[in-house]
Amino acid sequence: MKVAICFLLVLAGVSSVDVKTLLDTTYTDGSGNNVTLSDLSGKYIGLYFSASWCGGCRKFTPIMADIYNKIHEDKKWEVIWVTHDKNEPDADKYFKEMPWIRLPWDQIATRGASMFKLTKQHFIPSVTMIDPSFNIINPEASLDIEFDGEKDFPWAKRCYV
């Protein structure tokens, strides 16, 4: 029994390492500036999975952008957009509506797909919240963000396995 518990604890640690490893790349902001993982140190991170062709995403993005603009500096929150668009021009056009950073297009099929799988997403729009220690604290926070707004930031689930 002790061996099984230790094994599970080791696996839990691997999950944190995997999140940090997946996030360890260079992102870009709306002005084309590079943002690295070290720039995100000490911040909560929201992985935002969406696409321009998704009606629900088109509805949710302005809601989340409004909340982000109100609280991201005070609450130390950054959002990384991981597109599910089918082509780069559509993704580029949609990104102009967003105030946060994005995973580069050339990493969507590899790193982006791994992020989606690791965070156990099944649909878009979806937001996975990660704490400053790179622990997933809410695998699906989009409804919390939409209906609770900024008052319950960082939208952590009390029981996440």
C-alpha atoms as a PDB file:
ATOM      1  CA  MET A   1       0.000   0.000   0.000  1.00  0.00           C
ATOM      2  CA  LYS A   2       2.806   2.431   0.881  1.00  0.00           C
ATOM      3  CA  VAL A   3       4.451   1.732  -2.459  1.00  0.00           C
ATOM      4  CA  ALA A   4       1.212   2.556  -4.282  1.00  0.00           C
ATOM      5  CA  ILE A   5       0.819   5.833  -2.376  1.00  0.00           C
ATOM      6  CA  CYS A   6       4.421   6.827  -3.083  1.00  0.00           C
ATOM      7  CA  PHE A   7       3.947   5.978  -6.763  1.00  0.00           C
ATOM      8  CA  LEU A   8       0.853   8.186  -6.902  1.00  0.00           C
ATOM      9  CA  LEU A   9       2.739  11.034  -5.231  1.00  0.00           C
ATOM     10  CA  VAL A  10       5.539  10.708  -7.777  1.00  0.00           C
ATOM     11  CA  LEU A  11       2.992  10.783 -10.591  1.00  0.00           C
ATOM     12  CA  ALA A  12       1.432  13.918  -9.107  1.00  0.00           C
ATOM     13  CA  GLY A  13       4.851  15.581  -9.194  1.00  0.00           C
ATOM     14  CA  VAL A  14       5.338  14.570 -12.825  1.00  0.00           C
ATOM     15  CA  SER A  15       2.145  16.388 -13.757  1.00  0.00           C
ATOM     16  CA  SER A  16       3.552  19.675 -12.401  1.00  0.00           C
ATOM     17  CA  VAL A  17       6.804  19.153 -14.282  1.00  0.00           C
ATOM     18  CA  ASP A  18       4.886  18.408 -17.471  1.00  0.00           C
ATOM     19  CA  VAL A  19       2.894  21.629 -17.164  1.00  0.00           C
ATOM     20  CA  LYS A  20       6.009  23.707 -16.584  1.00  0.00           C
ATOM     21  CA  THR A  21       7.837  21.976 -19.433  1.00  0.00           C
ATOM     22  CA  LEU A  22       4.941  22.555 -21.804  1.00  0.00           C
ATOM     23  CA  LEU A  23       4.817  26.235 -20.848  1.00  0.00           C
ATOM     24  CA  ASP A  24       8.563  26.702 -21.312  1.00  0.00           C
ATOM     25  CA  THR A  25       8.602  28.390 -24.706  1.00  0.00           C
ATOM     26  CA  THR A  26       8.457  31.875 -26.186  1.00  0.00           C
ATOM     27  CA  TYR A  27       5.045  33.478 -26.690  1.00  0.00           C
ATOM     28  CA  THR A  28       4.098  36.700 -28.462  1.00  0.00           C
ATOM     29  CA  ASP A  29       1.860  39.551 -27.419  1.00  0.00           C
ATOM     30  CA  GLY A  30      -0.361  41.635 -29.669  1.00  0.00           C
ATOM     31  CA  SER A  31       2.533  43.955 -30.539  1.00  0.00           C
ATOM     32  CA  GLY A  32       4.796  41.069 -31.561  1.00  0.00           C
ATOM     33  CA  ASN A  33       6.955  41.241 -28.432  1.00  0.00           C
ATOM     34  CA  ASN A  34       8.384  37.995 -27.071  1.00  0.00           C
ATOM     35  CA  VAL A  35       7.250  36.728 -23.676  1.00  0.00           C
ATOM     36  CA  THR A  36       9.060  33.841 -21.985  1.00  0.00           C
ATOM     37  CA  LEU A  37       8.235  31.559 -19.084  1.00  0.00           C
ATOM     38  CA  SER A  38      10.492  33.629 -16.827  1.00  0.00           C
ATOM     39  CA  ASP A  39       8.312  36.669 -17.638  1.00  0.00           C
ATOM     40  CA  LEU A  40       5.353  34.695 -16.252  1.00  0.00           C
ATOM     41  CA  SER A  41       7.094  33.885 -12.958  1.00  0.00           C
ATOM     42  CA  GLY A  42       4.829  34.316  -9.932  1.00  0.00           C
ATOM     43  CA  LYS A  43       1.676  34.626 -12.036  1.00  0.00           C
ATOM     44  CA  TYR A  44      -1.478  32.610 -12.387  1.00  0.00           C
ATOM     45  CA  ILE A  45      -1.822  31.375 -15.940  1.00  0.00           C
ATOM     46  CA  GLY A  46      -4.968  30.675 -17.889  1.00  0.00           C
ATOM     47  CA  LEU A  47      -4.615  28.464 -20.943  1.00  0.00           C
ATOM     48  CA  TYR A  48      -7.354  29.620 -23.270  1.00  0.00           C
ATOM     49  CA  PHE A  49      -8.316  27.152 -25.996  1.00  0.00           C
ATOM     50  CA  SER A  50     -10.523  28.682 -28.698  1.00  0.00           C
ATOM     51  CA  ALA A  51     -10.877  29.384 -32.413  1.00  0.00           C
ATOM     52  CA  SER A  52     -12.275  32.058 -34.698  1.00  0.00           C
ATOM     53  CA  TRP A  53     -14.790  29.666 -36.287  1.00  0.00           C
ATOM     54  CA  CYS A  54     -16.307  28.705 -32.903  1.00  0.00           C
ATOM     55  CA  GLY A  55     -19.495  30.647 -32.086  1.00  0.00           C
ATOM     56  CA  GLY A  56     -19.188  29.957 -28.357  1.00  0.00           C
ATOM     57  CA  CYS A  57     -15.605  31.236 -28.442  1.00  0.00           C
ATOM     58  CA  ARG A  58     -16.710  34.404 -30.215  1.00  0.00           C
ATOM     59  CA  LYS A  59     -19.222  34.967 -27.424  1.00  0.00           C
ATOM     60  CA  PHE A  60     -16.826  34.115 -24.581  1.00  0.00           C
ATOM     61  CA  THR A  61     -13.679  35.958 -25.733  1.00  0.00           C
ATOM     62  CA  PRO A  62     -15.031  39.502 -25.102  1.00  0.00           C
ATOM     63  CA  ILE A  63     -16.315  38.444 -21.660  1.00  0.00           C
ATOM     64  CA  MET A  64     -12.939  37.043 -20.694  1.00  0.00           C
ATOM     65  CA  ALA A  65     -11.078  39.998 -22.224  1.00  0.00           C
ATOM     66  CA  ASP A  66     -13.141  42.404 -20.122  1.00  0.00           C
ATOM     67  CA  ILE A  67     -12.340  40.492 -16.928  1.00  0.00           C
ATOM     68  CA  TYR A  68      -8.691  40.125 -17.916  1.00  0.00           C
ATOM     69  CA  ASN A  69      -8.335  43.868 -18.538  1.00  0.00           C
ATOM     70  CA  LYS A  70      -9.838  44.611 -15.105  1.00  0.00           C
ATOM     71  CA  ILE A  71      -7.740  42.247 -13.000  1.00  0.00           C
ATOM     72  CA  HIS A  72      -4.674  40.858 -14.762  1.00  0.00           C
ATOM     73  CA  GLU A  73      -2.185  43.310 -13.271  1.00  0.00           C
ATOM     74  CA  ASP A  74      -3.503  43.354  -9.689  1.00  0.00           C
ATOM     75  CA  LYS A  75      -4.113  39.615  -9.535  1.00  0.00           C
ATOM     76  CA  LYS A  76      -0.938  38.652 -11.424  1.00  0.00           C
ATOM     77  CA  TRP A  77      -2.795  36.738 -14.120  1.00  0.00           C
ATOM     78  CA  GLU A  78      -1.669  36.026 -17.646  1.00  0.00           C
ATOM     79  CA  VAL A  79      -3.619  34.227 -20.350  1.00  0.00           C
ATOM     80  CA  ILE A  80      -1.989  32.160 -23.074  1.00  0.00           C
ATOM     81  CA  TRP A  81      -4.147  31.676 -26.139  1.00  0.00           C
ATOM     82  CA  VAL A  82      -3.864  28.266 -27.796  1.00  0.00           C
ATOM     83  CA  THR A  83      -5.751  28.434 -31.078  1.00  0.00           C
ATOM     84  CA  HIS A  84      -7.750  25.674 -32.671  1.00  0.00           C
ATOM     85  CA  ASP A  85      -8.027  27.595 -35.927  1.00  0.00           C
ATOM     86  CA  LYS A  86      -7.461  25.691 -39.133  1.00  0.00           C
ATOM     87  CA  ASN A  87      -5.113  28.258 -40.678  1.00  0.00           C
ATOM     88  CA  GLU A  88      -2.741  30.973 -39.557  1.00  0.00           C
ATOM     89  CA  PRO A  89      -4.446  33.987 -41.230  1.00  0.00           C
ATOM     90  CA  ASP A  90      -7.720  33.237 -39.389  1.00  0.00           C
ATOM     91  CA  ALA A  91      -5.822  32.834 -36.107  1.00  0.00           C
ATOM     92  CA  ASP A  92      -3.897  36.073 -36.659  1.00  0.00           C
ATOM     93  CA  LYS A  93      -7.077  38.012 -37.382  1.00  0.00           C
ATOM     94  CA  TYR A  94      -8.875  36.621 -34.318  1.00  0.00           C
ATOM     95  CA  PHE A  95      -5.884  37.271 -32.051  1.00  0.00           C
ATOM     96  CA  LYS A  96      -6.201  41.017 -32.761  1.00  0.00           C
ATOM     97  CA  GLU A  97      -9.330  40.922 -30.563  1.00  0.00           C
ATOM     98  CA  MET A  98      -7.379  39.593 -27.571  1.00  0.00           C
ATOM     99  CA  PRO A  99      -5.320  41.490 -24.970  1.00  0.00           C
ATOM    100  CA  TRP A 100      -3.142  38.541 -23.841  1.00  0.00           C
ATOM    101  CA  ILE A 101      -0.298  36.450 -25.264  1.00  0.00           C
ATOM    102  CA  ARG A 102      -0.403  33.521 -27.661  1.00  0.00           C
ATOM    103  CA  LEU A 103       1.371  30.291 -28.420  1.00  0.00           C
ATOM    104  CA  PRO A 104       3.106  30.701 -31.801  1.00  0.00           C
ATOM    105  CA  TRP A 105       1.370  29.110 -34.785  1.00  0.00           C
ATOM    106  CA  ASP A 106       4.305  26.788 -35.519  1.00  0.00           C
ATOM    107  CA  GLN A 107       3.833  25.133 -32.093  1.00  0.00           C
ATOM    108  CA  ILE A 108       0.064  24.590 -32.218  1.00  0.00           C
ATOM    109  CA  ALA A 109       0.161  21.059 -33.682  1.00  0.00           C
ATOM    110  CA  THR A 110       2.805  19.886 -31.206  1.00  0.00           C
ATOM    111  CA  ARG A 111       2.956  21.858 -27.959  1.00  0.00           C
ATOM    112  CA  GLY A 112      -0.616  23.164 -28.277  1.00  0.00           C
ATOM    113  CA  ALA A 113      -2.025  19.677 -28.814  1.00  0.00           C
ATOM    114  CA  SER A 114      -0.033  18.418 -25.818  1.00  0.00           C
ATOM    115  CA  MET A 115      -1.396  21.256 -23.663  1.00  0.00           C
ATOM    116  CA  PHE A 116      -4.947  20.390 -24.698  1.00  0.00           C
ATOM    117  CA  LYS A 117      -4.396  16.700 -23.917  1.00  0.00           C
ATOM    118  CA  LEU A 118      -2.564  17.253 -20.607  1.00  0.00           C
ATOM    119  CA  THR A 119      -5.294  19.548 -19.338  1.00  0.00           C
ATOM    120  CA  LYS A 120      -7.913  16.961 -20.376  1.00  0.00           C
ATOM    121  CA  GLN A 121      -9.916  19.310 -22.556  1.00  0.00           C
ATOM    122  CA  HIS A 122     -12.680  18.002 -24.788  1.00  0.00           C
ATOM    123  CA  PHE A 123     -14.238  21.157 -26.215  1.00  0.00           C
ATOM    124  CA  ILE A 124     -13.716  24.847 -26.856  1.00  0.00           C
ATOM    125  CA  PRO A 125     -13.909  27.474 -25.546  1.00  0.00           C
ATOM    126  CA  SER A 126     -12.153  26.264 -22.450  1.00  0.00           C
ATOM    127  CA  VAL A 127      -9.811  27.772 -19.903  1.00  0.00           C
ATOM    128  CA  THR A 128      -7.454  25.811 -17.681  1.00  0.00           C
ATOM    129  CA  MET A 129      -6.195  27.711 -14.623  1.00  0.00           C
ATOM    130  CA  ILE A 130      -2.639  27.095 -13.411  1.00  0.00           C
ATOM    131  CA  ASP A 131      -1.209  28.479 -10.181  1.00  0.00           C
ATOM    132  CA  PRO A 132       2.227  30.159  -9.872  1.00  0.00           C
ATOM    133  CA  SER A 133       3.740  26.759  -8.913  1.00  0.00           C
ATOM    134  CA  PHE A 134       2.473  25.245 -12.191  1.00  0.00           C
ATOM    135  CA  ASN A 135      -0.277  23.163 -10.628  1.00  0.00           C
ATOM    136  CA  ILE A 136      -3.551  22.855 -12.494  1.00  0.00           C
ATOM    137  CA  ILE A 137      -6.095  24.313 -10.075  1.00  0.00           C
ATOM    138  CA  ASN A 138      -9.101  24.244 -12.391  1.00  0.00           C
ATOM    139  CA  PRO A 139      -9.085  22.206 -15.591  1.00  0.00           C
ATOM    140  CA  GLU A 140     -12.207  23.956 -16.889  1.00  0.00           C
ATOM    141  CA  ALA A 141     -12.702  27.478 -15.592  1.00  0.00           C
ATOM    142  CA  SER A 142     -14.613  29.053 -18.479  1.00  0.00           C
ATOM    143  CA  LEU A 143     -18.024  28.768 -16.819  1.00  0.00           C
ATOM    144  CA  ASP A 144     -16.581  30.079 -13.535  1.00  0.00           C
ATOM    145  CA  ILE A 145     -15.113  33.045 -15.399  1.00  0.00           C
ATOM    146  CA  GLU A 146     -18.280  33.716 -17.361  1.00  0.00           C
ATOM    147  CA  PHE A 147     -20.749  33.447 -14.480  1.00  0.00           C
ATOM    148  CA  ASP A 148     -18.690  34.427 -11.408  1.00  0.00           C
ATOM    149  CA  GLY A 149     -16.537  37.092 -13.025  1.00  0.00           C
ATOM    150  CA  GLU A 150     -13.501  38.427 -11.252  1.00  0.00           C
ATOM    151  CA  LYS A 151     -14.868  37.944  -7.721  1.00  0.00           C
ATOM    152  CA  ASP A 152     -13.780  34.286  -7.456  1.00  0.00           C
ATOM    153  CA  PHE A 153     -10.350  34.627  -9.074  1.00  0.00           C
ATOM    154  CA  PRO A 154      -8.370  32.357  -9.501  1.00  0.00           C
ATOM    155  CA  TRP A 155     -11.426  30.131  -9.899  1.00  0.00           C
ATOM    156  CA  ALA A 156      -9.741  27.194  -8.162  1.00  0.00           C
ATOM    157  CA  LYS A 157     -11.765  24.036  -7.750  1.00  0.00           C
ATOM    158  CA  ARG A 158     -11.818  22.777  -4.194  1.00  0.00           C
ATOM    159  CA  CYS A 159     -11.385  19.180  -5.291  1.00  0.00           C
ATOM    160  CA  TYR A 160      -9.335  18.524  -8.399  1.00  0.00           C
ATOM    161  CA  VAL A 161      -7.728  15.167  -9.092  1.00  0.00           C
END
